[in-house]
Amino acid sequence: MPIRKGEAWGAPGALPADGVVVRSDAEARAVVTEARRAGTAPPVLGLLGGDLCRTLGGRGDTDRLRSELAMTFSCDLGAVLADGRLHWFVAHLVARRQWWRGRAFLAMNAAWLGPWNAGPKAHPGDGLLDTYDARVPAGQRPGMRRRLPLGAHLPHPAVRERRTAAIQVELERVLPVYLDGERVLEARSLSIRAEPDALTVVV
């Protein structure tokens, strides 16, 4: 059940013996994708790196994952349907051109996007994705990039923010789509949704 404002989230709990340790969001997505394509639930993931791990306060400590200090979280999973094929992401989806020129669209399940606190209010367990439809003029981009590491780039008149469980995005042109930091596909039409409590992770 998605977390509600003011509720405690996460509980002490070590990675089970059949849990899978991953070191990046891309590795986590690969494990999730393999399980979903096989028609099974993803295994519990032990996070040692990546933007979801950072959002959850993970330290990248292997020993911690199987100790009494470990914390277990029930997280949402992002899903996107493009060109009739379903893909998943654990941290974020980004549709953009090279150098972030023109329109960019982001769906954040985690707060972090590399060095940027791109989704400062994004919560991996609230059943929602924080989406940003951006058309930032070239002259304003340097200033925005300087504020991104602190999450101080919002609000911005050139960025349309929305928190939603599902969204349909129609782009003016085909754009590369990055899932968890990897360029996975190119698309113009994206059907994106959050899958609440679809993933259990340990940090």
N, C-alpha and C. Protein backbone atom coordinates (compact mmCIF):
# COMPACT_ATOMS: atom_id res chain seq x y z
N MET A 1 0.85 -1.20 0.00
CA MET A 1 0.00 0.00 0.00
C MET A 1 0.88 1.24 0.00
N PRO A 2 0.65 2.21 -0.89
CA PRO A 2 1.50 3.39 -0.96
C PRO A 2 1.55 4.15 0.35
N ILE A 3 2.72 4.74 0.63
CA ILE A 3 2.91 5.50 1.85
C ILE A 3 2.05 6.76 1.81
N ARG A 4 1.57 7.17 2.97
CA ARG A 4 0.82 8.41 3.10
C ARG A 4 1.66 9.43 3.85
N LYS A 5 1.36 10.71 3.62
CA LYS A 5 2.12 11.78 4.25
C LYS A 5 2.12 11.62 5.77
N GLY A 6 3.30 11.68 6.37
CA GLY A 6 3.43 11.57 7.81
C GLY A 6 3.62 10.17 8.33
N GLU A 7 3.44 9.17 7.49
CA GLU A 7 3.60 7.78 7.92
C GLU A 7 5.06 7.36 7.88
N ALA A 8 5.44 6.49 8.81
CA ALA A 8 6.79 5.91 8.78
C ALA A 8 6.89 4.98 7.58
N TRP A 9 8.07 4.87 7.04
CA TRP A 9 8.28 4.05 5.85
C TRP A 9 9.55 3.24 6.02
N GLY A 10 9.51 2.00 5.60
CA GLY A 10 10.67 1.13 5.74
C GLY A 10 10.71 0.48 7.11
N ALA A 11 11.42 -0.64 7.20
CA ALA A 11 11.53 -1.36 8.46
C ALA A 11 12.87 -2.09 8.48
N PRO A 12 13.40 -2.33 9.67
CA PRO A 12 14.63 -3.12 9.74
C PRO A 12 14.42 -4.48 9.10
N GLY A 13 15.40 -4.91 8.33
CA GLY A 13 15.27 -6.20 7.67
C GLY A 13 16.43 -6.43 6.72
N ALA A 14 17.10 -7.56 6.88
CA ALA A 14 18.27 -7.87 6.06
C ALA A 14 17.85 -8.50 4.73
N LEU A 15 18.76 -8.48 3.78
CA LEU A 15 18.53 -9.11 2.48
C LEU A 15 18.39 -10.62 2.67
N PRO A 16 17.33 -11.22 2.16
CA PRO A 16 17.17 -12.68 2.31
C PRO A 16 18.21 -13.44 1.49
N ALA A 17 18.31 -14.72 1.77
CA ALA A 17 19.32 -15.54 1.10
C ALA A 17 19.14 -15.57 -0.40
N ASP A 18 17.90 -15.47 -0.88
CA ASP A 18 17.66 -15.50 -2.32
C ASP A 18 17.57 -14.10 -2.94
N GLY A 19 17.94 -13.08 -2.16
CA GLY A 19 17.95 -11.73 -2.68
C GLY A 19 19.09 -11.53 -3.67
N VAL A 20 18.97 -10.52 -4.52
CA VAL A 20 19.97 -10.25 -5.56
C VAL A 20 20.61 -8.90 -5.29
N VAL A 21 21.93 -8.86 -5.26
CA VAL A 21 22.66 -7.62 -5.03
C VAL A 21 22.93 -6.94 -6.37
N VAL A 22 22.61 -5.65 -6.46
CA VAL A 22 22.85 -4.87 -7.67
C VAL A 22 23.62 -3.61 -7.31
N ARG A 23 24.40 -3.12 -8.27
CA ARG A 23 25.28 -1.98 -8.00
C ARG A 23 24.89 -0.72 -8.75
N SER A 24 23.81 -0.77 -9.49
CA SER A 24 23.35 0.41 -10.23
C SER A 24 21.86 0.27 -10.52
N ASP A 25 21.24 1.39 -10.90
CA ASP A 25 19.83 1.34 -11.30
C ASP A 25 19.66 0.48 -12.54
N ALA A 26 20.62 0.55 -13.47
CA ALA A 26 20.53 -0.24 -14.70
C ALA A 26 20.56 -1.74 -14.38
N GLU A 27 21.41 -2.15 -13.43
CA GLU A 27 21.44 -3.56 -13.03
C GLU A 27 20.11 -3.97 -12.41
N ALA A 28 19.56 -3.10 -11.58
CA ALA A 28 18.27 -3.39 -10.96
C ALA A 28 17.18 -3.54 -12.02
N ARG A 29 17.17 -2.63 -13.00
CA ARG A 29 16.18 -2.71 -14.07
C ARG A 29 16.32 -4.01 -14.85
N ALA A 30 17.55 -4.45 -15.10
CA ALA A 30 17.77 -5.69 -15.84
C ALA A 30 17.18 -6.89 -15.08
N VAL A 31 17.35 -6.92 -13.76
CA VAL A 31 16.80 -8.01 -12.96
C VAL A 31 15.27 -7.98 -12.99
N VAL A 32 14.71 -6.78 -12.84
CA VAL A 32 13.26 -6.62 -12.88
C VAL A 32 12.70 -7.05 -14.24
N THR A 33 13.35 -6.60 -15.30
CA THR A 33 12.88 -6.92 -16.65
C THR A 33 12.91 -8.43 -16.90
N GLU A 34 13.98 -9.08 -16.49
CA GLU A 34 14.08 -10.53 -16.68
C GLU A 34 12.94 -11.25 -15.95
N ALA A 35 12.66 -10.82 -14.73
CA ALA A 35 11.59 -11.46 -13.96
C ALA A 35 10.22 -11.21 -14.61
N ARG A 36 9.96 -9.96 -15.00
CA ARG A 36 8.67 -9.64 -15.59
C ARG A 36 8.46 -10.36 -16.92
N ARG A 37 9.49 -10.44 -17.73
CA ARG A 37 9.36 -11.14 -19.01
C ARG A 37 9.09 -12.63 -18.78
N ALA A 38 9.57 -13.16 -17.65
CA ALA A 38 9.33 -14.57 -17.32
C ALA A 38 8.00 -14.77 -16.61
N GLY A 39 7.30 -13.66 -16.31
CA GLY A 39 6.01 -13.75 -15.64
C GLY A 39 6.09 -14.00 -14.15
N THR A 40 7.22 -13.63 -13.54
CA THR A 40 7.41 -13.82 -12.10
C THR A 40 7.65 -12.48 -11.42
N ALA A 41 7.49 -12.46 -10.10
CA ALA A 41 7.75 -11.25 -9.33
C ALA A 41 9.26 -11.03 -9.22
N PRO A 42 9.70 -9.78 -9.26
CA PRO A 42 11.14 -9.52 -9.10
C PRO A 42 11.61 -9.97 -7.72
N PRO A 43 12.85 -10.45 -7.63
CA PRO A 43 13.38 -10.82 -6.32
C PRO A 43 13.65 -9.58 -5.48
N VAL A 44 13.85 -9.77 -4.19
CA VAL A 44 14.28 -8.67 -3.33
C VAL A 44 15.67 -8.24 -3.77
N LEU A 45 15.85 -6.92 -3.93
CA LEU A 45 17.13 -6.39 -4.41
C LEU A 45 17.90 -5.71 -3.29
N GLY A 46 19.16 -6.03 -3.17
CA GLY A 46 20.07 -5.32 -2.27
C GLY A 46 20.79 -4.25 -3.07
N LEU A 47 20.59 -2.98 -2.71
CA LEU A 47 21.13 -1.87 -3.50
C LEU A 47 22.48 -1.41 -2.96
N LEU A 48 23.48 -1.43 -3.82
CA LEU A 48 24.81 -0.94 -3.46
C LEU A 48 25.18 0.34 -4.20
N GLY A 49 24.33 0.81 -5.08
CA GLY A 49 24.61 2.03 -5.82
C GLY A 49 23.43 2.41 -6.67
N GLY A 50 23.52 3.58 -7.31
CA GLY A 50 22.45 4.06 -8.16
C GLY A 50 21.63 5.14 -7.47
N ASP A 51 20.76 5.76 -8.24
CA ASP A 51 19.98 6.89 -7.75
C ASP A 51 18.87 6.48 -6.80
N LEU A 52 18.28 5.30 -6.99
CA LEU A 52 17.29 4.82 -6.03
C LEU A 52 17.96 4.54 -4.69
N CYS A 53 19.13 3.93 -4.73
CA CYS A 53 19.89 3.65 -3.51
C CYS A 53 20.20 4.95 -2.77
N ARG A 54 20.64 5.96 -3.49
CA ARG A 54 20.97 7.25 -2.87
C ARG A 54 19.73 7.91 -2.27
N THR A 55 18.61 7.83 -2.97
CA THR A 55 17.37 8.41 -2.47
C THR A 55 16.95 7.76 -1.16
N LEU A 56 17.22 6.46 -1.02
CA LEU A 56 16.84 5.72 0.18
C LEU A 56 17.88 5.81 1.29
N GLY A 57 18.96 6.55 1.05
CA GLY A 57 20.00 6.68 2.06
C GLY A 57 20.98 5.52 2.11
N GLY A 58 21.05 4.74 1.02
CA GLY A 58 21.98 3.61 0.97
C GLY A 58 23.43 4.06 1.02
N ARG A 59 24.28 3.21 1.56
CA ARG A 59 25.70 3.54 1.75
C ARG A 59 26.64 2.73 0.88
N GLY A 60 26.09 1.80 0.10
CA GLY A 60 26.96 0.97 -0.72
C GLY A 60 27.79 -0.01 0.08
N ASP A 61 27.29 -0.44 1.22
CA ASP A 61 28.01 -1.33 2.14
C ASP A 61 27.44 -2.75 2.02
N THR A 62 28.24 -3.64 1.43
CA THR A 62 27.78 -5.01 1.22
C THR A 62 27.45 -5.72 2.52
N ASP A 63 28.30 -5.58 3.53
CA ASP A 63 28.07 -6.26 4.80
C ASP A 63 26.78 -5.79 5.47
N ARG A 64 26.48 -4.52 5.31
CA ARG A 64 25.28 -3.96 5.94
C ARG A 64 24.00 -4.65 5.42
N LEU A 65 23.99 -5.02 4.13
CA LEU A 65 22.78 -5.59 3.54
C LEU A 65 22.29 -6.83 4.26
N ARG A 66 23.21 -7.60 4.83
CA ARG A 66 22.82 -8.85 5.50
C ARG A 66 22.98 -8.76 7.02
N SER A 67 22.96 -7.53 7.53
CA SER A 67 23.11 -7.33 8.97
C SER A 67 21.84 -6.77 9.57
N GLU A 68 21.84 -6.63 10.90
CA GLU A 68 20.68 -6.07 11.59
C GLU A 68 20.53 -4.57 11.34
N LEU A 69 21.52 -3.95 10.71
CA LEU A 69 21.44 -2.53 10.39
C LEU A 69 20.70 -2.25 9.08
N ALA A 70 20.48 -3.30 8.30
CA ALA A 70 19.84 -3.12 6.99
C ALA A 70 18.39 -2.66 7.14
N MET A 71 17.95 -1.88 6.15
CA MET A 71 16.57 -1.42 6.10
C MET A 71 15.91 -1.94 4.83
N THR A 72 14.67 -2.38 4.96
CA THR A 72 13.91 -2.90 3.83
C THR A 72 12.77 -1.94 3.49
N PHE A 73 12.60 -1.70 2.18
CA PHE A 73 11.57 -0.77 1.71
C PHE A 73 10.73 -1.42 0.62
N SER A 74 9.44 -1.15 0.66
CA SER A 74 8.55 -1.53 -0.43
C SER A 74 8.44 -0.33 -1.37
N CYS A 75 8.91 -0.48 -2.61
CA CYS A 75 9.02 0.63 -3.55
C CYS A 75 8.10 0.45 -4.75
N ASP A 76 7.79 1.57 -5.35
CA ASP A 76 7.06 1.56 -6.61
C ASP A 76 8.02 1.23 -7.75
N LEU A 77 7.43 0.87 -8.86
CA LEU A 77 8.18 0.59 -10.07
C LEU A 77 7.56 1.41 -11.19
N GLY A 78 8.38 2.00 -12.04
CA GLY A 78 7.86 2.72 -13.19
C GLY A 78 7.72 1.79 -14.38
N ALA A 79 6.69 2.00 -15.18
CA ALA A 79 6.48 1.21 -16.39
C ALA A 79 6.14 2.15 -17.53
N VAL A 80 6.63 1.83 -18.72
CA VAL A 80 6.34 2.65 -19.90
C VAL A 80 6.04 1.74 -21.08
N LEU A 81 4.95 2.05 -21.76
CA LEU A 81 4.59 1.34 -22.98
C LEU A 81 4.93 2.23 -24.17
N ALA A 82 5.77 1.72 -25.05
CA ALA A 82 6.17 2.47 -26.25
C ALA A 82 6.28 1.51 -27.41
N ASP A 83 5.64 1.87 -28.51
CA ASP A 83 5.67 1.03 -29.71
C ASP A 83 5.20 -0.39 -29.42
N GLY A 84 4.21 -0.52 -28.53
CA GLY A 84 3.63 -1.81 -28.23
C GLY A 84 4.46 -2.70 -27.32
N ARG A 85 5.54 -2.18 -26.78
CA ARG A 85 6.41 -2.98 -25.91
C ARG A 85 6.51 -2.31 -24.54
N LEU A 86 6.43 -3.13 -23.50
CA LEU A 86 6.46 -2.63 -22.15
C LEU A 86 7.88 -2.70 -21.59
N HIS A 87 8.28 -1.61 -20.95
CA HIS A 87 9.59 -1.53 -20.29
C HIS A 87 9.38 -1.05 -18.85
N TRP A 88 10.36 -1.29 -18.00
CA TRP A 88 10.27 -0.88 -16.61
C TRP A 88 11.48 -0.04 -16.23
N PHE A 89 11.31 0.77 -15.17
CA PHE A 89 12.44 1.52 -14.62
C PHE A 89 12.27 1.64 -13.11
N VAL A 90 13.38 1.63 -12.40
CA VAL A 90 13.33 1.69 -10.93
C VAL A 90 13.52 3.10 -10.41
N ALA A 91 14.27 3.93 -11.13
CA ALA A 91 14.60 5.27 -10.64
C ALA A 91 14.00 6.38 -11.48
N HIS A 92 14.19 6.32 -12.81
CA HIS A 92 13.72 7.42 -13.65
C HIS A 92 13.66 7.07 -15.12
N LEU A 93 12.80 7.81 -15.81
CA LEU A 93 12.70 7.81 -17.27
C LEU A 93 13.00 9.23 -17.74
N VAL A 94 13.85 9.34 -18.77
CA VAL A 94 14.18 10.65 -19.33
C VAL A 94 14.11 10.55 -20.85
N ALA A 95 13.28 11.41 -21.44
CA ALA A 95 13.22 11.52 -22.91
C ALA A 95 13.83 12.88 -23.27
N ARG A 96 14.91 12.86 -24.03
CA ARG A 96 15.60 14.12 -24.31
C ARG A 96 16.49 14.01 -25.53
N ARG A 97 16.83 15.16 -26.08
CA ARG A 97 17.82 15.24 -27.14
C ARG A 97 19.21 15.40 -26.52
N GLN A 98 20.22 15.32 -27.36
CA GLN A 98 21.60 15.51 -26.89
C GLN A 98 21.75 16.92 -26.31
N TRP A 99 22.50 17.01 -25.23
CA TRP A 99 22.76 18.28 -24.55
C TRP A 99 21.49 18.92 -24.00
N TRP A 100 20.42 18.14 -23.87
CA TRP A 100 19.18 18.63 -23.28
C TRP A 100 18.58 19.78 -24.10
N ARG A 101 18.79 19.77 -25.40
CA ARG A 101 18.23 20.81 -26.25
C ARG A 101 16.73 20.58 -26.46
N GLY A 102 15.99 21.67 -26.58
CA GLY A 102 14.56 21.56 -26.85
C GLY A 102 13.79 20.96 -25.69
N ARG A 103 12.75 20.22 -26.03
CA ARG A 103 11.88 19.65 -25.01
C ARG A 103 12.51 18.44 -24.35
N ALA A 104 12.30 18.32 -23.05
CA ALA A 104 12.73 17.13 -22.30
C ALA A 104 11.60 16.73 -21.37
N PHE A 105 11.42 15.43 -21.21
CA PHE A 105 10.39 14.93 -20.30
C PHE A 105 11.03 13.95 -19.33
N LEU A 106 10.74 14.13 -18.03
CA LEU A 106 11.28 13.26 -16.99
C LEU A 106 10.15 12.69 -16.16
N ALA A 107 10.25 11.42 -15.81
CA ALA A 107 9.36 10.77 -14.84
C ALA A 107 10.26 10.20 -13.75
N MET A 108 10.15 10.76 -12.55
CA MET A 108 11.06 10.42 -11.47
C MET A 108 10.37 9.56 -10.41
N ASN A 109 10.94 8.39 -10.15
CA ASN A 109 10.54 7.56 -9.02
C ASN A 109 11.49 7.80 -7.86
N ALA A 110 12.74 8.10 -8.18
CA ALA A 110 13.76 8.49 -7.21
C ALA A 110 13.97 10.00 -7.30
N ALA A 111 14.60 10.56 -6.28
CA ALA A 111 14.85 12.00 -6.29
C ALA A 111 16.05 12.36 -7.17
N TRP A 112 17.03 11.48 -7.23
CA TRP A 112 18.31 11.81 -7.87
C TRP A 112 18.39 11.33 -9.30
N LEU A 113 19.06 12.13 -10.11
CA LEU A 113 19.40 11.79 -11.49
C LEU A 113 20.89 12.09 -11.64
N GLY A 114 21.73 11.09 -11.34
CA GLY A 114 23.17 11.33 -11.31
C GLY A 114 23.49 12.37 -10.25
N PRO A 115 24.22 13.42 -10.60
CA PRO A 115 24.59 14.44 -9.61
C PRO A 115 23.47 15.44 -9.32
N TRP A 116 22.35 15.31 -10.00
CA TRP A 116 21.26 16.29 -9.88
C TRP A 116 20.14 15.78 -8.98
N ASN A 117 19.67 16.64 -8.10
CA ASN A 117 18.47 16.37 -7.30
C ASN A 117 17.28 16.81 -8.14
N ALA A 118 17.05 16.09 -9.23
CA ALA A 118 16.09 16.51 -10.25
C ALA A 118 14.64 16.42 -9.80
N GLY A 119 14.33 15.48 -8.91
CA GLY A 119 12.98 15.32 -8.39
C GLY A 119 12.98 15.46 -6.89
N PRO A 120 13.18 16.67 -6.38
CA PRO A 120 13.41 16.85 -4.93
C PRO A 120 12.28 16.36 -4.05
N LYS A 121 11.06 16.25 -4.59
CA LYS A 121 9.93 15.76 -3.78
C LYS A 121 9.52 14.34 -4.16
N ALA A 122 10.24 13.72 -5.07
CA ALA A 122 9.88 12.37 -5.51
C ALA A 122 10.07 11.37 -4.37
N HIS A 123 9.11 10.47 -4.22
CA HIS A 123 9.14 9.46 -3.15
C HIS A 123 8.91 8.10 -3.79
N PRO A 124 9.84 7.16 -3.61
CA PRO A 124 9.71 5.85 -4.27
C PRO A 124 8.60 4.96 -3.74
N GLY A 125 7.88 5.41 -2.70
CA GLY A 125 6.85 4.55 -2.13
C GLY A 125 5.49 5.19 -2.00
N ASP A 126 5.23 6.25 -2.77
CA ASP A 126 3.94 6.95 -2.63
C ASP A 126 2.93 6.59 -3.71
N GLY A 127 3.29 5.67 -4.62
CA GLY A 127 2.36 5.27 -5.67
C GLY A 127 2.26 6.26 -6.81
N LEU A 128 3.16 7.26 -6.82
CA LEU A 128 3.12 8.30 -7.84
C LEU A 128 4.48 8.50 -8.47
N LEU A 129 4.49 9.07 -9.67
CA LEU A 129 5.71 9.51 -10.32
C LEU A 129 5.69 11.03 -10.37
N ASP A 130 6.84 11.64 -10.12
CA ASP A 130 6.97 13.09 -10.27
C ASP A 130 7.45 13.36 -11.69
N THR A 131 6.60 14.03 -12.48
CA THR A 131 6.94 14.25 -13.88
C THR A 131 7.23 15.73 -14.14
N TYR A 132 8.14 15.95 -15.09
CA TYR A 132 8.56 17.30 -15.44
C TYR A 132 8.65 17.40 -16.96
N ASP A 133 7.85 18.29 -17.51
CA ASP A 133 7.84 18.54 -18.95
C ASP A 133 8.53 19.89 -19.15
N ALA A 134 9.76 19.86 -19.66
CA ALA A 134 10.61 21.05 -19.67
C ALA A 134 10.89 21.54 -21.08
N ARG A 135 10.81 22.85 -21.22
CA ARG A 135 11.19 23.53 -22.46
C ARG A 135 12.00 24.77 -22.05
N VAL A 136 13.17 24.54 -21.52
CA VAL A 136 13.99 25.62 -20.95
C VAL A 136 14.77 26.32 -22.07
N PRO A 137 14.61 27.64 -22.22
CA PRO A 137 15.38 28.37 -23.23
C PRO A 137 16.88 28.21 -23.02
N ALA A 138 17.63 28.22 -24.12
CA ALA A 138 19.07 27.97 -24.05
C ALA A 138 19.78 28.89 -23.07
N GLY A 139 19.39 30.14 -23.02
CA GLY A 139 20.05 31.09 -22.14
C GLY A 139 19.82 30.84 -20.67
N GLN A 140 18.77 30.08 -20.33
CA GLN A 140 18.46 29.81 -18.94
C GLN A 140 19.01 28.47 -18.45
N ARG A 141 19.49 27.66 -19.37
CA ARG A 141 19.95 26.31 -18.98
C ARG A 141 21.17 26.32 -18.05
N PRO A 142 22.18 27.17 -18.29
CA PRO A 142 23.33 27.15 -17.37
C PRO A 142 22.93 27.44 -15.92
N GLY A 143 22.06 28.42 -15.72
CA GLY A 143 21.62 28.73 -14.37
C GLY A 143 20.85 27.60 -13.74
N MET A 144 20.02 26.93 -14.54
CA MET A 144 19.26 25.80 -14.01
C MET A 144 20.20 24.66 -13.62
N ARG A 145 21.21 24.39 -14.44
CA ARG A 145 22.16 23.31 -14.12
C ARG A 145 22.90 23.58 -12.81
N ARG A 146 23.20 24.85 -12.54
CA ARG A 146 23.89 25.18 -11.30
C ARG A 146 23.01 24.91 -10.08
N ARG A 147 21.71 25.03 -10.25
CA ARG A 147 20.79 24.83 -9.12
C ARG A 147 20.34 23.38 -8.96
N LEU A 148 20.50 22.58 -10.00
CA LEU A 148 20.00 21.20 -9.97
C LEU A 148 20.61 20.34 -8.86
N PRO A 149 21.91 20.43 -8.55
CA PRO A 149 22.45 19.56 -7.49
C PRO A 149 21.78 19.76 -6.14
N LEU A 150 21.24 20.95 -5.89
CA LEU A 150 20.60 21.23 -4.61
C LEU A 150 19.08 21.09 -4.68
N GLY A 151 18.56 20.76 -5.86
CA GLY A 151 17.12 20.67 -6.02
C GLY A 151 16.44 22.02 -5.96
N ALA A 152 17.19 23.08 -6.24
CA ALA A 152 16.67 24.44 -6.13
C ALA A 152 16.24 25.00 -7.48
N HIS A 153 16.12 24.15 -8.49
CA HIS A 153 15.77 24.59 -9.84
C HIS A 153 14.26 24.77 -10.04
N LEU A 154 13.49 24.33 -9.06
CA LEU A 154 12.03 24.41 -9.15
C LEU A 154 11.46 25.30 -8.05
N PRO A 155 10.34 25.95 -8.31
CA PRO A 155 9.58 25.97 -9.57
C PRO A 155 10.27 26.81 -10.64
N HIS A 156 9.92 26.53 -11.89
CA HIS A 156 10.48 27.26 -13.03
C HIS A 156 9.37 27.41 -14.07
N PRO A 157 9.22 28.61 -14.64
CA PRO A 157 8.13 28.82 -15.59
C PRO A 157 8.20 27.97 -16.84
N ALA A 158 9.39 27.43 -17.16
CA ALA A 158 9.55 26.61 -18.36
C ALA A 158 9.43 25.12 -18.06
N VAL A 159 9.09 24.77 -16.82
CA VAL A 159 8.96 23.36 -16.43
C VAL A 159 7.56 23.13 -15.86
N ARG A 160 6.82 22.23 -16.51
CA ARG A 160 5.49 21.88 -16.03
C ARG A 160 5.61 20.64 -15.15
N GLU A 161 5.23 20.80 -13.88
CA GLU A 161 5.35 19.72 -12.91
C GLU A 161 4.00 19.03 -12.71
N ARG A 162 4.09 17.72 -12.51
CA ARG A 162 2.87 16.96 -12.21
C ARG A 162 3.23 15.71 -11.44
N ARG A 163 2.47 15.42 -10.40
CA ARG A 163 2.61 14.17 -9.65
C ARG A 163 1.41 13.31 -10.02
N THR A 164 1.69 12.11 -10.53
CA THR A 164 0.60 11.33 -11.09
C THR A 164 0.91 9.83 -11.03
N ALA A 165 -0.15 9.04 -11.03
CA ALA A 165 0.00 7.59 -11.10
C ALA A 165 0.16 7.10 -12.53
N ALA A 166 -0.31 7.91 -13.49
CA ALA A 166 -0.22 7.52 -14.90
C ALA A 166 -0.30 8.77 -15.76
N ILE A 167 0.39 8.74 -16.91
CA ILE A 167 0.38 9.89 -17.81
C ILE A 167 0.67 9.43 -19.23
N GLN A 168 0.03 10.06 -20.17
CA GLN A 168 0.27 9.82 -21.60
C GLN A 168 1.03 11.02 -22.14
N VAL A 169 2.17 10.78 -22.78
CA VAL A 169 3.01 11.85 -23.28
C VAL A 169 3.13 11.75 -24.79
N GLU A 170 2.81 12.83 -25.47
CA GLU A 170 2.96 12.91 -26.92
C GLU A 170 4.03 13.96 -27.23
N LEU A 171 5.11 13.54 -27.82
CA LEU A 171 6.21 14.42 -28.15
C LEU A 171 6.08 14.89 -29.59
N GLU A 172 6.66 16.05 -29.88
CA GLU A 172 6.58 16.58 -31.24
C GLU A 172 7.43 15.80 -32.23
N ARG A 173 8.44 15.12 -31.71
CA ARG A 173 9.36 14.36 -32.55
C ARG A 173 9.84 13.14 -31.78
N VAL A 174 10.38 12.18 -32.48
CA VAL A 174 10.94 10.99 -31.83
C VAL A 174 12.17 11.41 -31.02
N LEU A 175 12.21 10.99 -29.76
CA LEU A 175 13.34 11.32 -28.88
C LEU A 175 13.95 10.04 -28.31
N PRO A 176 15.26 10.07 -28.03
CA PRO A 176 15.86 8.98 -27.27
C PRO A 176 15.25 8.92 -25.87
N VAL A 177 15.00 7.71 -25.39
CA VAL A 177 14.44 7.52 -24.05
C VAL A 177 15.44 6.74 -23.21
N TYR A 178 15.81 7.32 -22.09
CA TYR A 178 16.76 6.72 -21.17
C TYR A 178 16.01 6.17 -19.96
N LEU A 179 16.23 4.90 -19.66
CA LEU A 179 15.64 4.27 -18.49
C LEU A 179 16.76 3.94 -17.52
N ASP A 180 16.69 4.52 -16.34
CA ASP A 180 17.71 4.29 -15.32
C ASP A 180 19.12 4.55 -15.85
N GLY A 181 19.24 5.60 -16.65
CA GLY A 181 20.54 6.04 -17.13
C GLY A 181 21.02 5.40 -18.40
N GLU A 182 20.29 4.43 -18.93
CA GLU A 182 20.67 3.76 -20.17
C GLU A 182 19.73 4.13 -21.30
N ARG A 183 20.30 4.43 -22.47
CA ARG A 183 19.46 4.69 -23.64
C ARG A 183 18.90 3.36 -24.13
N VAL A 184 17.57 3.23 -24.04
CA VAL A 184 16.92 1.94 -24.29
C VAL A 184 16.12 1.94 -25.57
N LEU A 185 15.49 3.06 -25.91
CA LEU A 185 14.60 3.10 -27.07
C LEU A 185 14.47 4.52 -27.57
N GLU A 186 13.78 4.65 -28.70
CA GLU A 186 13.39 5.95 -29.23
C GLU A 186 11.88 5.92 -29.43
N ALA A 187 11.22 7.00 -29.08
CA ALA A 187 9.76 7.00 -29.16
C ALA A 187 9.24 8.42 -29.25
N ARG A 188 8.01 8.52 -29.72
CA ARG A 188 7.30 9.80 -29.76
C ARG A 188 6.10 9.78 -28.83
N SER A 189 5.53 8.59 -28.63
CA SER A 189 4.37 8.44 -27.76
C SER A 189 4.74 7.52 -26.60
N LEU A 190 4.48 7.98 -25.38
CA LEU A 190 4.84 7.22 -24.19
C LEU A 190 3.63 7.12 -23.27
N SER A 191 3.31 5.91 -22.85
CA SER A 191 2.27 5.68 -21.86
C SER A 191 2.96 5.21 -20.58
N ILE A 192 2.98 6.06 -19.56
CA ILE A 192 3.80 5.84 -18.37
C ILE A 192 2.90 5.67 -17.15
N ARG A 193 3.28 4.74 -16.28
CA ARG A 193 2.50 4.57 -15.05
C ARG A 193 3.40 4.09 -13.92
N ALA A 194 2.92 4.29 -12.72
CA ALA A 194 3.58 3.74 -11.52
C ALA A 194 2.90 2.45 -11.13
N GLU A 195 3.70 1.46 -10.74
CA GLU A 195 3.19 0.20 -10.20
C GLU A 195 3.49 0.21 -8.70
N PRO A 196 2.50 0.51 -7.87
CA PRO A 196 2.74 0.65 -6.42
C PRO A 196 3.21 -0.65 -5.77
N ASP A 197 4.18 -0.50 -4.88
CA ASP A 197 4.67 -1.63 -4.07
C ASP A 197 5.07 -2.84 -4.90
N ALA A 198 5.63 -2.59 -6.07
CA ALA A 198 5.98 -3.69 -6.97
C ALA A 198 7.39 -4.22 -6.75
N LEU A 199 8.15 -3.57 -5.89
CA LEU A 199 9.56 -3.93 -5.73
C LEU A 199 9.96 -3.79 -4.26
N THR A 200 10.65 -4.78 -3.75
CA THR A 200 11.20 -4.72 -2.39
C THR A 200 12.71 -4.59 -2.48
N VAL A 201 13.25 -3.60 -1.76
CA VAL A 201 14.69 -3.35 -1.82
C VAL A 201 15.24 -3.24 -0.40
N VAL A 202 16.54 -3.50 -0.29
CA VAL A 202 17.23 -3.43 0.99
C VAL A 202 18.46 -2.53 0.82
N VAL A 203 18.67 -1.64 1.78
CA VAL A 203 19.88 -0.79 1.77
C VAL A 203 20.56 -0.86 3.13
